[in-house]
């Protein structure tokens, strides 16, 4: 079982915590991680790009000049794709880029992402994270105590408005609860900060 240090908000190590081998000590599958991140980004795409075909461009109902006798190429409409201002051939239309992966694949990817953070020593577990009132300056001091100066993902067992409001103005810092934790957010941040309660909840769900 992997073991990591348990810290308080002052940056002091107050003990050790044993992590579930099944969740935090799994094999890191980069191929699975790639699939799930690709799915996450594809599902976020709006797919609103749209161009008009020759049938949708306004104008062009009249034949621009007679068929024969002018010495010019024959044309039936000024909205042909070969004309400036004409329709677009095979242009993008609104579409859904999203796709789904099996639940087992997504669970395996989350375990791989968490295990990768443990391997890279980018996981920090706090005994608790409570704030009396929302204050960004206080949370900045917590990160300084933990010697974190890069992007950080803070994972709470349950939604805590004081912590969320304290971090939402901080660039590179994101706070989520366990029920919306995803692979992309874990990999997109350099450090992963979990509370002790969040660790227990993750292990209950994924072990």
N, C-alpha and C. Protein backbone atom coordinates (compact mmCIF):
# COMPACT_ATOMS: atom_id res chain seq x y z
N UNK A 1 0.84 -1.20 0.00
CA UNK A 1 0.00 0.00 0.00
C UNK A 1 0.87 1.25 0.00
N UNK A 2 0.59 2.19 -0.92
CA UNK A 2 1.38 3.43 -0.90
C UNK A 2 1.07 4.27 0.33
N UNK A 3 2.11 4.89 0.86
CA UNK A 3 1.95 5.78 2.02
C UNK A 3 2.42 7.17 1.65
N UNK A 4 1.68 8.18 2.08
CA UNK A 4 2.09 9.57 1.86
C UNK A 4 1.95 10.33 3.17
N UNK A 5 2.64 11.45 3.25
CA UNK A 5 2.58 12.27 4.46
C UNK A 5 1.22 12.94 4.61
N UNK A 6 0.82 13.13 5.86
CA UNK A 6 -0.43 13.83 6.18
C UNK A 6 -0.06 15.20 6.75
N UNK A 7 -0.56 16.26 6.14
CA UNK A 7 -0.16 17.62 6.53
C UNK A 7 -1.35 18.40 7.06
N UNK A 8 -1.02 19.45 7.84
CA UNK A 8 -2.05 20.40 8.22
C UNK A 8 -1.91 21.66 7.36
N UNK A 9 -2.79 22.62 7.56
CA UNK A 9 -2.78 23.81 6.69
C UNK A 9 -1.58 24.72 6.96
N UNK A 10 -0.82 24.43 8.01
CA UNK A 10 0.41 25.19 8.30
C UNK A 10 1.62 24.59 7.60
N UNK A 11 1.39 23.50 6.85
CA UNK A 11 2.49 22.86 6.14
C UNK A 11 3.29 21.90 6.98
N UNK A 12 2.80 21.59 8.17
CA UNK A 12 3.52 20.67 9.08
C UNK A 12 3.03 19.24 8.85
N UNK A 13 3.97 18.30 8.81
CA UNK A 13 3.59 16.89 8.66
C UNK A 13 3.14 16.36 10.00
N UNK A 14 1.91 15.91 10.07
CA UNK A 14 1.34 15.46 11.35
C UNK A 14 1.18 13.95 11.40
N UNK A 15 1.63 13.26 10.36
CA UNK A 15 1.54 11.81 10.36
C UNK A 15 1.63 11.25 8.95
N UNK A 16 1.19 10.00 8.82
CA UNK A 16 1.18 9.33 7.52
C UNK A 16 -0.19 8.75 7.27
N UNK A 17 -0.51 8.57 6.01
CA UNK A 17 -1.79 7.95 5.66
C UNK A 17 -1.55 6.86 4.63
N UNK A 18 -2.16 5.71 4.87
CA UNK A 18 -2.07 4.59 3.93
C UNK A 18 -3.16 4.73 2.89
N UNK A 19 -2.79 4.64 1.64
CA UNK A 19 -3.75 4.77 0.55
C UNK A 19 -4.08 3.39 -0.03
N UNK A 20 -5.27 3.27 -0.54
CA UNK A 20 -5.70 2.01 -1.14
C UNK A 20 -4.83 1.66 -2.34
N UNK A 21 -4.31 0.44 -2.32
CA UNK A 21 -3.44 -0.01 -3.42
C UNK A 21 -4.22 -0.10 -4.73
N UNK A 22 -5.52 -0.40 -4.62
CA UNK A 22 -6.35 -0.58 -5.81
C UNK A 22 -6.61 0.76 -6.52
N UNK A 23 -6.69 1.84 -5.72
CA UNK A 23 -7.03 3.16 -6.28
C UNK A 23 -5.79 4.00 -6.54
N UNK A 24 -4.87 4.04 -5.56
CA UNK A 24 -3.71 4.93 -5.65
C UNK A 24 -2.41 4.19 -6.02
N UNK A 25 -2.50 2.87 -6.19
CA UNK A 25 -1.31 2.11 -6.54
C UNK A 25 -1.51 1.29 -7.80
N UNK A 26 -2.46 1.71 -8.61
CA UNK A 26 -2.77 0.97 -9.85
C UNK A 26 -1.73 1.24 -10.93
N UNK A 27 -1.73 0.37 -11.93
CA UNK A 27 -0.83 0.56 -13.07
C UNK A 27 -1.27 1.82 -13.84
N UNK A 28 -0.30 2.66 -14.19
CA UNK A 28 -0.63 3.88 -14.94
C UNK A 28 -0.75 3.54 -16.42
N UNK A 29 -1.96 3.60 -16.93
CA UNK A 29 -2.24 3.25 -18.33
C UNK A 29 -2.35 4.54 -19.15
N UNK A 30 -1.27 4.91 -19.80
CA UNK A 30 -1.26 6.16 -20.58
C UNK A 30 -2.23 6.09 -21.76
N UNK A 31 -2.42 4.87 -22.32
CA UNK A 31 -3.34 4.74 -23.45
C UNK A 31 -4.78 5.03 -23.03
N UNK A 32 -5.15 4.53 -21.84
CA UNK A 32 -6.50 4.77 -21.32
C UNK A 32 -6.68 6.24 -20.97
N UNK A 33 -5.65 6.84 -20.37
CA UNK A 33 -5.71 8.26 -20.02
C UNK A 33 -5.92 9.11 -21.27
N UNK A 34 -5.23 8.74 -22.35
CA UNK A 34 -5.36 9.49 -23.60
C UNK A 34 -6.79 9.42 -24.13
N UNK A 35 -7.38 8.23 -24.09
CA UNK A 35 -8.75 8.05 -24.58
C UNK A 35 -9.75 8.90 -23.79
N UNK A 36 -9.59 8.89 -22.47
CA UNK A 36 -10.55 9.60 -21.62
C UNK A 36 -10.39 11.12 -21.75
N UNK A 37 -9.15 11.60 -21.85
CA UNK A 37 -8.93 13.04 -22.03
C UNK A 37 -9.48 13.48 -23.39
N UNK A 38 -9.27 12.67 -24.43
CA UNK A 38 -9.81 12.99 -25.75
C UNK A 38 -11.33 13.06 -25.70
N UNK A 39 -11.96 12.12 -24.99
CA UNK A 39 -13.41 12.12 -24.85
C UNK A 39 -13.89 13.38 -24.12
N UNK A 40 -13.19 13.73 -23.03
CA UNK A 40 -13.56 14.91 -22.24
C UNK A 40 -13.53 16.18 -23.10
N UNK A 41 -12.46 16.35 -23.86
CA UNK A 41 -12.32 17.55 -24.69
C UNK A 41 -13.31 17.56 -25.84
N UNK A 42 -13.57 16.37 -26.41
CA UNK A 42 -14.53 16.28 -27.51
C UNK A 42 -15.94 16.63 -27.02
N UNK A 43 -16.28 16.17 -25.81
CA UNK A 43 -17.62 16.45 -25.27
C UNK A 43 -17.80 17.93 -24.92
N UNK A 44 -16.68 18.64 -24.71
CA UNK A 44 -16.77 20.06 -24.40
C UNK A 44 -16.90 20.93 -25.66
N UNK A 45 -16.61 20.36 -26.83
CA UNK A 45 -16.68 21.14 -28.07
C UNK A 45 -18.12 21.52 -28.38
N UNK A 46 -18.32 22.77 -28.78
CA UNK A 46 -19.67 23.24 -29.07
C UNK A 46 -20.14 22.77 -30.44
N UNK A 47 -19.25 22.70 -31.40
CA UNK A 47 -19.65 22.25 -32.73
C UNK A 47 -20.63 23.18 -33.41
N UNK A 48 -20.44 24.50 -33.21
CA UNK A 48 -21.38 25.48 -33.78
C UNK A 48 -20.95 26.02 -35.14
N UNK A 49 -19.76 25.67 -35.60
CA UNK A 49 -19.28 26.22 -36.88
C UNK A 49 -20.23 25.86 -38.00
N UNK A 50 -20.59 26.85 -38.82
CA UNK A 50 -21.55 26.60 -39.88
C UNK A 50 -21.27 27.48 -41.09
N UNK A 51 -21.32 26.89 -42.27
CA UNK A 51 -21.18 27.65 -43.53
C UNK A 51 -22.41 27.42 -44.38
N UNK A 52 -22.62 28.32 -45.33
CA UNK A 52 -23.80 28.21 -46.19
C UNK A 52 -23.46 27.52 -47.51
N UNK A 53 -24.33 26.64 -47.93
CA UNK A 53 -24.18 26.02 -49.25
C UNK A 53 -24.75 26.96 -50.31
N UNK A 54 -24.65 26.60 -51.55
CA UNK A 54 -25.15 27.46 -52.62
C UNK A 54 -26.67 27.61 -52.54
N UNK A 55 -27.34 26.65 -51.91
CA UNK A 55 -28.79 26.73 -51.77
C UNK A 55 -29.19 27.75 -50.70
N UNK A 56 -28.26 28.05 -49.77
CA UNK A 56 -28.59 28.92 -48.64
C UNK A 56 -28.11 30.36 -48.81
N UNK A 57 -27.18 30.59 -49.75
CA UNK A 57 -26.67 31.94 -49.97
C UNK A 57 -27.74 32.75 -50.72
N UNK A 58 -27.91 34.00 -50.31
CA UNK A 58 -28.96 34.81 -50.94
C UNK A 58 -28.54 35.25 -52.35
N UNK A 59 -29.53 35.45 -53.20
CA UNK A 59 -29.26 35.90 -54.57
C UNK A 59 -29.01 34.74 -55.52
N UNK A 60 -28.68 35.09 -56.76
CA UNK A 60 -28.28 34.06 -57.72
C UNK A 60 -29.42 33.37 -58.43
N UNK A 61 -30.63 33.95 -58.38
CA UNK A 61 -31.76 33.28 -59.04
C UNK A 61 -31.75 33.46 -60.56
N UNK A 62 -31.07 34.49 -61.02
CA UNK A 62 -31.06 34.77 -62.45
C UNK A 62 -29.77 34.26 -63.07
N UNK A 63 -29.86 33.74 -64.28
CA UNK A 63 -28.65 33.32 -65.01
C UNK A 63 -27.84 34.59 -65.32
N UNK A 64 -26.55 34.63 -64.93
CA UNK A 64 -25.79 35.89 -65.06
C UNK A 64 -25.66 36.39 -66.49
N UNK A 65 -25.53 35.54 -67.47
CA UNK A 65 -25.55 35.94 -68.90
C UNK A 65 -25.99 34.74 -69.73
N UNK A 66 -26.31 35.01 -70.99
CA UNK A 66 -26.85 33.95 -71.82
C UNK A 66 -25.84 32.82 -72.03
N UNK A 67 -26.35 31.68 -72.38
CA UNK A 67 -25.52 30.47 -72.48
C UNK A 67 -24.46 30.59 -73.58
N UNK A 68 -24.84 31.09 -74.74
CA UNK A 68 -23.92 31.10 -75.89
C UNK A 68 -23.72 32.51 -76.44
N UNK A 69 -22.62 32.67 -77.13
CA UNK A 69 -22.43 33.87 -77.91
C UNK A 69 -21.65 34.99 -77.23
N UNK A 70 -21.31 34.85 -75.97
CA UNK A 70 -20.59 35.94 -75.29
C UNK A 70 -19.09 35.71 -75.27
N UNK A 71 -18.67 34.46 -75.51
CA UNK A 71 -17.24 34.13 -75.43
C UNK A 71 -16.79 33.84 -74.00
N UNK A 72 -17.72 33.93 -73.08
CA UNK A 72 -17.38 33.67 -71.68
C UNK A 72 -17.84 32.26 -71.28
N UNK A 73 -17.31 31.80 -70.19
CA UNK A 73 -17.71 30.46 -69.71
C UNK A 73 -19.18 30.48 -69.32
N UNK A 74 -19.85 29.33 -69.50
CA UNK A 74 -21.27 29.26 -69.19
C UNK A 74 -21.48 29.16 -67.67
N UNK A 75 -22.43 29.91 -67.16
CA UNK A 75 -22.76 29.90 -65.73
C UNK A 75 -24.26 29.99 -65.55
N UNK A 76 -24.72 29.34 -64.49
CA UNK A 76 -26.15 29.37 -64.21
C UNK A 76 -26.51 30.21 -63.01
N UNK A 77 -25.51 30.48 -62.13
CA UNK A 77 -25.81 31.24 -60.91
C UNK A 77 -24.55 31.91 -60.39
N UNK A 78 -24.71 33.13 -59.88
CA UNK A 78 -23.54 33.82 -59.28
C UNK A 78 -23.24 33.27 -57.89
N UNK A 79 -24.06 32.35 -57.38
CA UNK A 79 -23.83 31.76 -56.06
C UNK A 79 -23.18 30.37 -56.15
N UNK A 80 -22.63 30.05 -57.32
CA UNK A 80 -21.88 28.82 -57.48
C UNK A 80 -20.64 28.87 -56.57
N UNK A 81 -20.18 27.75 -56.03
CA UNK A 81 -19.01 27.74 -55.15
C UNK A 81 -17.74 28.31 -55.78
N UNK A 82 -17.68 28.37 -57.13
CA UNK A 82 -16.46 28.89 -57.76
C UNK A 82 -16.49 30.41 -57.90
N UNK A 83 -17.60 31.02 -57.49
CA UNK A 83 -17.71 32.48 -57.53
C UNK A 83 -17.41 33.07 -56.15
N UNK A 84 -16.81 34.26 -56.16
CA UNK A 84 -16.63 34.99 -54.90
C UNK A 84 -18.01 35.33 -54.33
N UNK A 85 -18.21 35.04 -53.06
CA UNK A 85 -19.52 35.28 -52.45
C UNK A 85 -20.48 34.14 -52.66
N UNK A 86 -20.02 33.08 -53.31
CA UNK A 86 -20.88 31.92 -53.54
C UNK A 86 -20.93 31.00 -52.33
N UNK A 87 -21.61 29.88 -52.51
CA UNK A 87 -21.72 28.92 -51.41
C UNK A 87 -20.39 28.22 -51.14
N UNK A 88 -20.32 27.54 -50.01
CA UNK A 88 -19.12 26.80 -49.62
C UNK A 88 -19.36 25.32 -49.84
N UNK A 89 -18.41 24.68 -50.52
CA UNK A 89 -18.52 23.23 -50.77
C UNK A 89 -17.92 22.45 -49.61
N UNK A 90 -18.67 21.52 -49.08
CA UNK A 90 -18.21 20.64 -47.99
C UNK A 90 -17.72 21.42 -46.77
N UNK A 91 -18.33 22.56 -46.50
CA UNK A 91 -17.96 23.35 -45.31
C UNK A 91 -18.54 22.74 -44.05
N UNK A 92 -18.10 23.23 -42.87
CA UNK A 92 -18.60 22.67 -41.60
C UNK A 92 -20.07 23.02 -41.37
N UNK A 93 -20.76 22.12 -40.72
CA UNK A 93 -22.15 22.33 -40.30
C UNK A 93 -22.24 21.98 -38.81
N UNK A 94 -23.21 22.53 -38.08
CA UNK A 94 -23.33 22.19 -36.65
C UNK A 94 -23.39 20.68 -36.44
N UNK A 95 -22.58 20.19 -35.50
CA UNK A 95 -22.54 18.75 -35.24
C UNK A 95 -22.10 18.50 -33.81
N UNK A 96 -22.32 17.32 -33.34
CA UNK A 96 -21.92 16.91 -31.99
C UNK A 96 -20.66 16.07 -32.09
N UNK A 97 -19.58 16.54 -31.48
CA UNK A 97 -18.31 15.82 -31.54
C UNK A 97 -18.18 14.78 -30.42
N UNK A 98 -19.11 14.79 -29.49
CA UNK A 98 -18.99 13.95 -28.30
C UNK A 98 -19.10 12.46 -28.59
N UNK A 99 -18.50 11.68 -27.72
CA UNK A 99 -18.65 10.22 -27.77
C UNK A 99 -18.52 9.67 -26.35
N UNK A 100 -18.88 8.44 -26.17
CA UNK A 100 -18.87 7.83 -24.83
C UNK A 100 -17.89 6.68 -24.77
N UNK A 101 -17.37 6.45 -23.56
CA UNK A 101 -16.52 5.29 -23.29
C UNK A 101 -17.20 4.46 -22.20
N UNK A 102 -16.90 3.17 -22.12
CA UNK A 102 -17.49 2.33 -21.07
C UNK A 102 -17.12 2.83 -19.66
N UNK A 103 -18.01 2.60 -18.70
CA UNK A 103 -17.78 3.04 -17.32
C UNK A 103 -16.49 2.44 -16.76
N UNK A 104 -16.23 1.19 -17.10
CA UNK A 104 -15.03 0.52 -16.57
C UNK A 104 -13.75 1.22 -17.05
N UNK A 105 -13.78 1.70 -18.29
CA UNK A 105 -12.62 2.41 -18.84
C UNK A 105 -12.41 3.72 -18.10
N UNK A 106 -13.51 4.44 -17.84
CA UNK A 106 -13.41 5.73 -17.14
C UNK A 106 -12.92 5.54 -15.69
N UNK A 107 -13.39 4.49 -15.04
CA UNK A 107 -12.94 4.21 -13.66
C UNK A 107 -11.44 3.87 -13.65
N UNK A 108 -11.03 3.07 -14.63
CA UNK A 108 -9.62 2.68 -14.72
C UNK A 108 -8.75 3.91 -14.97
N UNK A 109 -9.25 4.83 -15.80
CA UNK A 109 -8.50 6.05 -16.11
C UNK A 109 -8.33 6.92 -14.87
N UNK A 110 -9.38 7.02 -14.05
CA UNK A 110 -9.29 7.84 -12.83
C UNK A 110 -8.27 7.23 -11.86
N UNK A 111 -8.30 5.91 -11.74
CA UNK A 111 -7.31 5.24 -10.87
C UNK A 111 -5.89 5.47 -11.40
N UNK A 112 -5.72 5.41 -12.71
CA UNK A 112 -4.41 5.64 -13.32
C UNK A 112 -3.92 7.05 -13.05
N UNK A 113 -4.83 8.03 -13.16
CA UNK A 113 -4.46 9.43 -12.94
C UNK A 113 -4.05 9.66 -11.49
N UNK A 114 -4.82 9.11 -10.55
CA UNK A 114 -4.49 9.25 -9.13
C UNK A 114 -3.17 8.56 -8.80
N UNK A 115 -2.97 7.38 -9.37
CA UNK A 115 -1.73 6.63 -9.13
C UNK A 115 -0.52 7.36 -9.71
N UNK A 116 -0.71 8.03 -10.85
CA UNK A 116 0.38 8.80 -11.47
C UNK A 116 0.80 9.95 -10.56
N UNK A 117 -0.17 10.58 -9.91
CA UNK A 117 0.15 11.68 -8.99
C UNK A 117 0.94 11.18 -7.78
N UNK A 118 0.60 9.98 -7.31
CA UNK A 118 1.35 9.39 -6.19
C UNK A 118 2.77 9.06 -6.63
N UNK A 119 2.91 8.45 -7.81
CA UNK A 119 4.24 8.10 -8.35
C UNK A 119 5.12 9.32 -8.52
N UNK A 120 4.52 10.41 -9.02
CA UNK A 120 5.30 11.62 -9.30
C UNK A 120 5.46 12.52 -8.07
N UNK A 121 4.94 12.05 -6.91
CA UNK A 121 5.01 12.81 -5.65
C UNK A 121 4.37 14.20 -5.80
N UNK A 122 3.25 14.20 -6.46
CA UNK A 122 2.50 15.44 -6.66
C UNK A 122 1.16 15.41 -5.92
N UNK A 123 1.04 14.46 -4.98
CA UNK A 123 -0.18 14.34 -4.18
C UNK A 123 0.09 14.79 -2.75
N UNK A 124 -0.76 15.68 -2.26
CA UNK A 124 -0.67 16.16 -0.88
C UNK A 124 -2.00 15.89 -0.19
N UNK A 125 -1.94 15.26 0.99
CA UNK A 125 -3.16 14.98 1.75
C UNK A 125 -3.17 15.86 3.00
N UNK A 126 -4.28 16.57 3.20
CA UNK A 126 -4.46 17.43 4.37
C UNK A 126 -5.35 16.74 5.39
N UNK A 127 -5.03 16.91 6.67
CA UNK A 127 -5.88 16.30 7.71
C UNK A 127 -7.28 16.92 7.67
N UNK A 128 -7.35 18.23 7.42
CA UNK A 128 -8.64 18.90 7.21
C UNK A 128 -8.41 20.24 6.55
N UNK A 129 -9.43 20.75 5.90
CA UNK A 129 -9.34 22.05 5.24
C UNK A 129 -10.63 22.80 5.51
N UNK A 130 -10.55 23.66 6.53
CA UNK A 130 -11.73 24.44 6.92
C UNK A 130 -11.35 25.91 7.00
N UNK A 131 -12.25 26.77 6.55
CA UNK A 131 -12.02 28.21 6.60
C UNK A 131 -13.23 28.88 7.24
N UNK A 132 -12.96 29.79 8.17
CA UNK A 132 -14.04 30.46 8.88
C UNK A 132 -14.85 31.36 7.95
N UNK A 133 -14.16 31.98 7.00
CA UNK A 133 -14.83 32.86 6.04
C UNK A 133 -14.05 32.83 4.73
N UNK A 134 -14.70 33.18 3.63
CA UNK A 134 -13.98 33.18 2.35
C UNK A 134 -12.95 34.30 2.30
N UNK A 135 -11.69 33.93 2.13
CA UNK A 135 -10.63 34.93 2.05
C UNK A 135 -9.48 34.38 1.21
N UNK A 136 -9.27 34.98 0.04
CA UNK A 136 -8.25 34.49 -0.88
C UNK A 136 -6.86 34.55 -0.25
N UNK A 137 -6.59 35.63 0.49
CA UNK A 137 -5.26 35.81 1.10
C UNK A 137 -4.92 34.64 2.03
N UNK A 138 -5.92 34.16 2.78
CA UNK A 138 -5.69 33.04 3.69
C UNK A 138 -5.32 31.77 2.92
N UNK A 139 -5.99 31.56 1.78
CA UNK A 139 -5.69 30.35 1.01
C UNK A 139 -4.34 30.45 0.32
N UNK A 140 -3.96 31.67 -0.08
CA UNK A 140 -2.63 31.88 -0.64
C UNK A 140 -1.56 31.47 0.38
N UNK A 141 -1.79 31.82 1.64
CA UNK A 141 -0.85 31.46 2.71
C UNK A 141 -0.78 29.95 2.92
N UNK A 142 -1.95 29.27 2.77
CA UNK A 142 -1.97 27.80 2.91
C UNK A 142 -1.09 27.17 1.84
N UNK A 143 -1.22 27.66 0.59
CA UNK A 143 -0.40 27.11 -0.51
C UNK A 143 1.08 27.40 -0.28
N UNK A 144 1.39 28.57 0.27
CA UNK A 144 2.79 28.89 0.58
C UNK A 144 3.33 27.95 1.64
N UNK A 145 2.51 27.65 2.65
CA UNK A 145 2.94 26.72 3.71
C UNK A 145 3.21 25.33 3.15
N UNK A 146 2.43 24.94 2.14
CA UNK A 146 2.59 23.62 1.53
C UNK A 146 3.64 23.62 0.42
N UNK A 147 4.25 24.81 0.18
CA UNK A 147 5.30 24.99 -0.85
C UNK A 147 4.78 24.63 -2.25
N UNK A 148 3.58 25.11 -2.53
CA UNK A 148 2.98 24.88 -3.84
C UNK A 148 2.99 26.20 -4.60
N UNK A 149 3.69 26.22 -5.73
CA UNK A 149 3.76 27.45 -6.53
C UNK A 149 3.34 27.20 -7.98
N UNK A 150 2.71 26.04 -8.22
CA UNK A 150 2.23 25.72 -9.56
C UNK A 150 0.72 25.48 -9.52
N UNK A 151 0.17 25.07 -10.65
CA UNK A 151 -1.28 24.83 -10.71
C UNK A 151 -1.68 23.73 -9.73
N UNK A 152 -2.79 23.94 -9.03
CA UNK A 152 -3.21 22.98 -8.01
C UNK A 152 -4.70 22.70 -8.11
N UNK A 153 -5.04 21.42 -7.95
CA UNK A 153 -6.44 20.99 -7.90
C UNK A 153 -6.75 20.59 -6.47
N UNK A 154 -7.72 21.26 -5.85
CA UNK A 154 -8.11 20.98 -4.46
C UNK A 154 -9.39 20.15 -4.50
N UNK A 155 -9.34 18.97 -3.87
CA UNK A 155 -10.50 18.06 -3.88
C UNK A 155 -11.05 17.94 -2.46
N UNK A 156 -12.33 18.27 -2.31
CA UNK A 156 -13.00 18.21 -1.01
C UNK A 156 -13.99 17.05 -1.00
N UNK A 157 -14.27 16.54 0.20
CA UNK A 157 -15.24 15.45 0.33
C UNK A 157 -16.63 15.94 -0.04
N UNK A 158 -16.95 17.17 0.41
CA UNK A 158 -18.25 17.78 0.11
C UNK A 158 -18.04 19.24 -0.25
N UNK A 159 -19.05 19.82 -0.85
CA UNK A 159 -18.96 21.22 -1.27
C UNK A 159 -18.77 22.14 -0.07
N UNK A 160 -17.79 23.02 -0.14
CA UNK A 160 -17.52 23.98 0.94
C UNK A 160 -17.41 25.37 0.31
N UNK A 161 -18.44 26.18 0.50
CA UNK A 161 -18.51 27.49 -0.14
C UNK A 161 -17.36 28.40 0.25
N UNK A 162 -16.92 28.33 1.51
CA UNK A 162 -15.82 29.21 1.96
C UNK A 162 -14.53 28.92 1.20
N UNK A 163 -14.24 27.63 1.01
CA UNK A 163 -13.02 27.24 0.29
C UNK A 163 -13.16 27.58 -1.19
N UNK A 164 -14.33 27.30 -1.76
CA UNK A 164 -14.55 27.56 -3.19
C UNK A 164 -14.42 29.05 -3.49
N UNK A 165 -15.02 29.89 -2.66
CA UNK A 165 -14.97 31.33 -2.88
C UNK A 165 -13.57 31.89 -2.65
N UNK A 166 -12.80 31.24 -1.78
CA UNK A 166 -11.44 31.70 -1.50
C UNK A 166 -10.49 31.40 -2.65
N UNK A 167 -10.83 30.40 -3.47
CA UNK A 167 -9.90 29.97 -4.53
C UNK A 167 -10.32 30.41 -5.93
N UNK A 168 -11.56 30.85 -6.10
CA UNK A 168 -12.05 31.06 -7.46
C UNK A 168 -11.39 32.24 -8.17
N UNK A 169 -10.76 33.15 -7.43
CA UNK A 169 -10.05 34.26 -8.06
C UNK A 169 -8.57 33.97 -8.26
N UNK A 170 -8.14 32.79 -7.87
CA UNK A 170 -6.72 32.45 -7.96
C UNK A 170 -6.43 31.74 -9.28
N UNK A 171 -5.58 32.32 -10.12
CA UNK A 171 -5.24 31.66 -11.39
C UNK A 171 -4.50 30.35 -11.14
N UNK A 172 -4.92 29.30 -11.83
CA UNK A 172 -4.22 28.02 -11.70
C UNK A 172 -4.69 27.17 -10.54
N UNK A 173 -5.66 27.66 -9.75
CA UNK A 173 -6.18 26.87 -8.62
C UNK A 173 -7.65 26.58 -8.86
N UNK A 174 -8.02 25.31 -8.71
CA UNK A 174 -9.41 24.90 -8.94
C UNK A 174 -9.86 24.01 -7.79
N UNK A 175 -11.08 24.22 -7.33
CA UNK A 175 -11.62 23.42 -6.23
C UNK A 175 -12.83 22.62 -6.71
N UNK A 176 -12.82 21.33 -6.44
CA UNK A 176 -13.95 20.46 -6.82
C UNK A 176 -14.26 19.53 -5.67
N UNK A 177 -15.46 18.97 -5.68
CA UNK A 177 -15.80 17.93 -4.71
C UNK A 177 -15.61 16.57 -5.37
N UNK A 178 -15.57 15.53 -4.56
CA UNK A 178 -15.26 14.18 -5.05
C UNK A 178 -16.22 13.74 -6.15
N UNK A 179 -17.50 14.11 -6.03
CA UNK A 179 -18.50 13.61 -6.98
C UNK A 179 -18.35 14.18 -8.39
N UNK A 180 -17.55 15.26 -8.57
CA UNK A 180 -17.34 15.77 -9.94
C UNK A 180 -15.86 15.70 -10.35
N UNK A 181 -15.09 14.92 -9.61
CA UNK A 181 -13.67 14.75 -9.93
C UNK A 181 -13.53 14.03 -11.27
N UNK A 182 -12.65 14.53 -12.13
CA UNK A 182 -12.45 13.86 -13.42
C UNK A 182 -10.96 13.82 -13.80
N UNK A 183 -10.66 12.96 -14.74
CA UNK A 183 -9.27 12.69 -15.15
C UNK A 183 -8.60 13.93 -15.73
N UNK A 184 -9.33 14.67 -16.57
CA UNK A 184 -8.73 15.84 -17.23
C UNK A 184 -8.24 16.87 -16.21
N UNK A 185 -9.07 17.16 -15.21
CA UNK A 185 -8.68 18.15 -14.19
C UNK A 185 -7.46 17.68 -13.39
N UNK A 186 -7.40 16.39 -13.10
CA UNK A 186 -6.26 15.85 -12.35
C UNK A 186 -4.97 16.04 -13.14
N UNK A 187 -5.01 15.66 -14.42
CA UNK A 187 -3.81 15.73 -15.25
C UNK A 187 -3.46 17.17 -15.64
N UNK A 188 -4.44 18.05 -15.64
CA UNK A 188 -4.23 19.43 -16.07
C UNK A 188 -3.62 20.30 -14.97
N UNK A 189 -3.50 19.76 -13.77
CA UNK A 189 -2.91 20.51 -12.66
C UNK A 189 -1.64 19.80 -12.17
N UNK A 190 -0.65 20.61 -11.79
CA UNK A 190 0.64 20.04 -11.37
C UNK A 190 0.54 19.35 -10.02
N UNK A 191 -0.27 19.89 -9.13
CA UNK A 191 -0.39 19.32 -7.79
C UNK A 191 -1.84 18.94 -7.49
N UNK A 192 -2.01 17.84 -6.78
CA UNK A 192 -3.33 17.38 -6.37
C UNK A 192 -3.40 17.42 -4.84
N UNK A 193 -4.31 18.22 -4.31
CA UNK A 193 -4.47 18.36 -2.86
C UNK A 193 -5.79 17.71 -2.46
N UNK A 194 -5.70 16.68 -1.64
CA UNK A 194 -6.89 15.97 -1.16
C UNK A 194 -7.02 16.14 0.35
N UNK A 195 -8.24 16.28 0.83
CA UNK A 195 -8.44 16.22 2.27
C UNK A 195 -8.52 14.75 2.67
N UNK A 196 -8.31 14.48 3.94
CA UNK A 196 -8.36 13.10 4.44
C UNK A 196 -9.74 12.48 4.17
N UNK A 197 -10.79 13.29 4.36
CA UNK A 197 -12.15 12.80 4.12
C UNK A 197 -12.38 12.52 2.63
N UNK A 198 -11.78 13.33 1.78
CA UNK A 198 -11.92 13.12 0.33
C UNK A 198 -11.27 11.80 -0.08
N UNK A 199 -10.11 11.49 0.52
CA UNK A 199 -9.42 10.23 0.23
C UNK A 199 -10.33 9.04 0.57
N UNK A 200 -10.95 9.11 1.76
CA UNK A 200 -11.84 8.03 2.19
C UNK A 200 -13.01 7.86 1.23
N UNK A 201 -13.56 8.99 0.81
CA UNK A 201 -14.72 8.94 -0.08
C UNK A 201 -14.34 8.36 -1.45
N UNK A 202 -13.17 8.76 -1.96
CA UNK A 202 -12.70 8.23 -3.25
C UNK A 202 -12.50 6.71 -3.15
N UNK A 203 -11.89 6.28 -2.05
CA UNK A 203 -11.64 4.84 -1.87
C UNK A 203 -12.95 4.06 -1.74
N UNK A 204 -13.94 4.65 -1.08
CA UNK A 204 -15.24 3.98 -0.94
C UNK A 204 -15.89 3.76 -2.30
N UNK A 205 -15.76 4.76 -3.18
CA UNK A 205 -16.42 4.68 -4.48
C UNK A 205 -15.65 3.80 -5.47
N UNK A 206 -14.32 3.91 -5.48
CA UNK A 206 -13.53 3.27 -6.55
C UNK A 206 -12.77 2.02 -6.13
N UNK A 207 -12.66 1.75 -4.84
CA UNK A 207 -11.89 0.57 -4.41
C UNK A 207 -12.69 -0.70 -4.68
